[in-house]
Amino acid sequence: MRKTGKLLVTAVVLAGAAAGCTSGGVRDEGPKIPRTATGTLEQIAHRAGCARPAVQTNAAELRQANCGSGTGRWVLATFATDRGQTEWLDSADDYGGTYLVGRKWIAVGPDAVVTKLRGRLGGTVERSSSHHSGSSGGGGHEEAPGSGHTGHG
């Protein structure tokens, strides 16, 4: 009788696990975000679908290029150091905007463009208003899943 009880419990547990795999279970229906891109400005631009980035700044600490045109225009900046990226983002925060932030790179553009780029490049979307003082936090943030980052405000 004891074996029968164990078999029954095992069957119930397995049935419950199987039910979780069907349409009645919990599903992650959010968009799939790829691993955050890394590489040179050209490599990141290519991954984003920008075959010919128009390089505007080509310095050791910062490289910046324009991609796209019209309402689909966006800017990609790559940085030699994390500190350089942080300083750039802190300064840009005063002007407002939507930023897609990766490791040592930032893409800037309209919300719809940045959302599309995130689907290709991964990263974290950060938004700030142009009324941000630069010293009191602010700006909205949409963190990458599992990033552990809680934003600035």
Protein backbone atom coordinates (compact mmCIF):
# COMPACT_ATOMS: atom_id res chain seq x y z
CA MET A 1 0.00 0.00 0.00
CA ARG A 2 2.88 2.31 0.72
CA LYS A 3 4.30 1.88 -2.81
CA THR A 4 0.91 2.67 -4.27
CA GLY A 5 0.77 5.94 -2.31
CA LYS A 6 4.22 6.95 -3.56
CA LEU A 7 3.26 6.11 -7.13
CA LEU A 8 0.07 8.15 -6.81
CA VAL A 9 1.98 11.17 -5.44
CA THR A 10 4.56 10.83 -8.23
CA ALA A 11 1.78 10.68 -10.86
CA VAL A 12 0.10 13.79 -9.41
CA VAL A 13 3.41 15.70 -9.36
CA LEU A 14 4.19 14.69 -12.96
CA ALA A 15 0.68 15.61 -14.10
CA GLY A 16 1.03 19.02 -12.44
CA ALA A 17 4.39 19.60 -14.10
CA ALA A 18 2.98 18.61 -17.47
CA ALA A 19 0.03 20.97 -16.99
CA GLY A 20 2.48 23.82 -16.45
CA CYS A 21 3.88 23.15 -19.91
CA THR A 22 0.52 23.52 -21.64
CA SER A 23 -1.41 26.66 -22.50
CA GLY A 24 -2.75 26.85 -18.96
CA GLY A 25 0.76 27.31 -17.50
CA VAL A 26 2.72 30.49 -16.97
CA ARG A 27 4.32 31.72 -20.19
CA ASP A 28 6.79 34.45 -20.93
CA GLU A 29 5.07 36.33 -23.73
CA GLY A 30 7.41 39.34 -23.69
CA PRO A 31 9.72 40.11 -26.58
CA LYS A 32 12.89 38.09 -26.74
CA ILE A 33 15.85 40.37 -26.09
CA PRO A 34 19.18 39.12 -27.44
CA ARG A 35 22.41 39.10 -25.49
CA THR A 36 23.84 42.63 -25.42
CA ALA A 37 26.05 43.31 -28.43
CA THR A 38 29.77 43.91 -28.10
CA GLY A 39 32.44 44.93 -30.56
CA THR A 40 33.62 47.87 -32.59
CA LEU A 41 31.36 50.65 -33.80
CA GLU A 42 31.22 49.00 -37.22
CA GLN A 43 30.41 45.56 -35.79
CA ILE A 44 27.61 46.89 -33.58
CA ALA A 45 26.22 49.02 -36.43
CA HIS A 46 26.24 46.00 -38.77
CA ARG A 47 24.38 43.88 -36.19
CA ALA A 48 21.79 46.68 -35.97
CA GLY A 49 21.32 46.66 -39.74
CA CYS A 50 23.40 49.76 -40.51
CA ALA A 51 25.74 48.63 -43.28
CA ARG A 52 27.49 51.99 -43.70
CA PRO A 53 27.69 54.01 -40.49
CA ALA A 54 28.59 57.65 -41.24
CA VAL A 55 31.38 58.26 -38.73
CA GLN A 56 31.19 61.80 -37.31
CA THR A 57 33.68 61.50 -34.44
CA ASN A 58 36.72 59.26 -34.58
CA ALA A 59 38.74 59.83 -31.40
CA ALA A 60 40.54 57.35 -29.18
CA GLU A 61 38.03 57.78 -26.35
CA LEU A 62 34.84 58.16 -28.43
CA ARG A 63 33.63 57.06 -31.86
CA GLN A 64 30.26 58.28 -33.05
CA ALA A 65 28.31 57.58 -36.25
CA ASN A 66 24.93 58.31 -37.81
CA CYS A 67 22.76 55.53 -39.20
CA GLY A 68 19.42 55.50 -40.96
CA SER A 69 17.59 58.51 -42.36
CA GLY A 70 14.50 60.59 -41.74
CA THR A 71 12.45 59.44 -38.78
CA GLY A 72 14.53 56.24 -38.67
CA ARG A 73 17.78 58.14 -38.06
CA TRP A 74 19.81 57.15 -35.02
CA VAL A 75 23.27 57.71 -33.58
CA LEU A 76 25.68 55.07 -32.29
CA ALA A 77 28.52 56.01 -29.94
CA THR A 78 31.21 53.66 -28.68
CA PHE A 79 33.56 54.39 -25.80
CA ALA A 80 37.07 53.33 -24.83
CA THR A 81 36.15 53.21 -21.13
CA ASP A 82 33.12 52.66 -18.92
CA ARG A 83 33.84 56.02 -17.28
CA GLY A 84 33.71 57.80 -20.64
CA GLN A 85 30.34 56.20 -21.36
CA THR A 86 28.98 57.17 -17.95
CA GLU A 87 30.13 60.77 -18.33
CA TRP A 88 28.63 61.00 -21.83
CA LEU A 89 25.30 59.59 -20.65
CA ASP A 90 25.23 61.89 -17.61
CA SER A 91 25.76 64.92 -19.88
CA ALA A 92 23.23 63.73 -22.46
CA ASP A 93 20.69 63.11 -19.69
CA ASP A 94 20.29 66.89 -19.33
CA TYR A 95 18.91 67.08 -22.88
CA GLY A 96 16.39 64.27 -22.54
CA GLY A 97 15.86 61.47 -24.99
CA THR A 98 15.76 57.73 -25.33
CA TYR A 99 18.99 55.77 -25.12
CA LEU A 100 19.82 52.12 -25.69
CA VAL A 101 22.77 51.35 -23.45
CA GLY A 102 25.18 48.45 -23.86
CA ARG A 103 28.68 47.77 -22.59
CA LYS A 104 30.77 50.71 -23.85
CA TRP A 105 28.17 51.77 -26.44
CA ILE A 106 25.00 53.84 -26.62
CA ALA A 107 22.43 54.18 -29.41
CA VAL A 108 20.25 57.29 -29.46
CA GLY A 109 17.11 57.84 -31.48
CA PRO A 110 13.32 58.08 -31.43
CA ASP A 111 11.51 55.66 -29.10
CA ALA A 112 10.33 53.39 -31.93
CA VAL A 113 13.82 53.17 -33.42
CA VAL A 114 15.45 52.44 -30.05
CA THR A 115 12.85 49.73 -29.35
CA LYS A 116 13.62 48.10 -32.71
CA LEU A 117 17.37 48.36 -32.09
CA ARG A 118 16.97 46.66 -28.71
CA GLY A 119 15.53 43.65 -30.53
CA ARG A 120 18.79 43.41 -32.50
CA LEU A 121 21.39 44.65 -30.02
CA GLY A 122 20.03 43.82 -26.56
CA GLY A 123 20.97 46.38 -23.95
CA THR A 124 18.95 48.55 -21.60
CA VAL A 125 16.55 51.32 -22.61
CA GLU A 126 16.90 54.53 -20.62
CA ARG A 127 14.63 57.56 -20.99
CA SER A 128 15.09 60.98 -19.50
CA SER A 129 13.17 64.22 -19.69
CA SER A 130 14.80 67.44 -20.83
CA HIS A 131 13.93 68.97 -17.44
CA HIS A 132 16.36 66.73 -15.59
CA SER A 133 18.75 68.77 -13.41
CA GLY A 134 21.59 66.28 -13.63
CA SER A 135 22.00 65.98 -9.86
CA SER A 136 18.74 64.59 -8.53
CA GLY A 137 18.42 61.30 -10.36
CA GLY A 138 15.40 61.22 -12.63
CA GLY A 139 14.61 59.71 -15.96
CA GLY A 140 12.66 56.54 -16.50
CA HIS A 141 14.41 53.26 -17.02
CA GLU A 142 13.49 49.92 -18.54
CA GLU A 143 16.09 47.46 -17.39
CA ALA A 144 17.20 44.38 -19.19
CA PRO A 145 15.72 41.22 -17.64
CA GLY A 146 17.92 39.93 -14.85
CA SER A 147 20.23 42.96 -14.92
CA GLY A 148 19.82 43.57 -11.20
CA HIS A 149 19.99 47.32 -11.86
CA THR A 150 17.26 49.37 -10.24
CA GLY A 151 17.73 52.67 -12.07
CA HIS A 152 18.73 56.05 -10.77
CA GLY A 153 15.56 57.31 -9.09
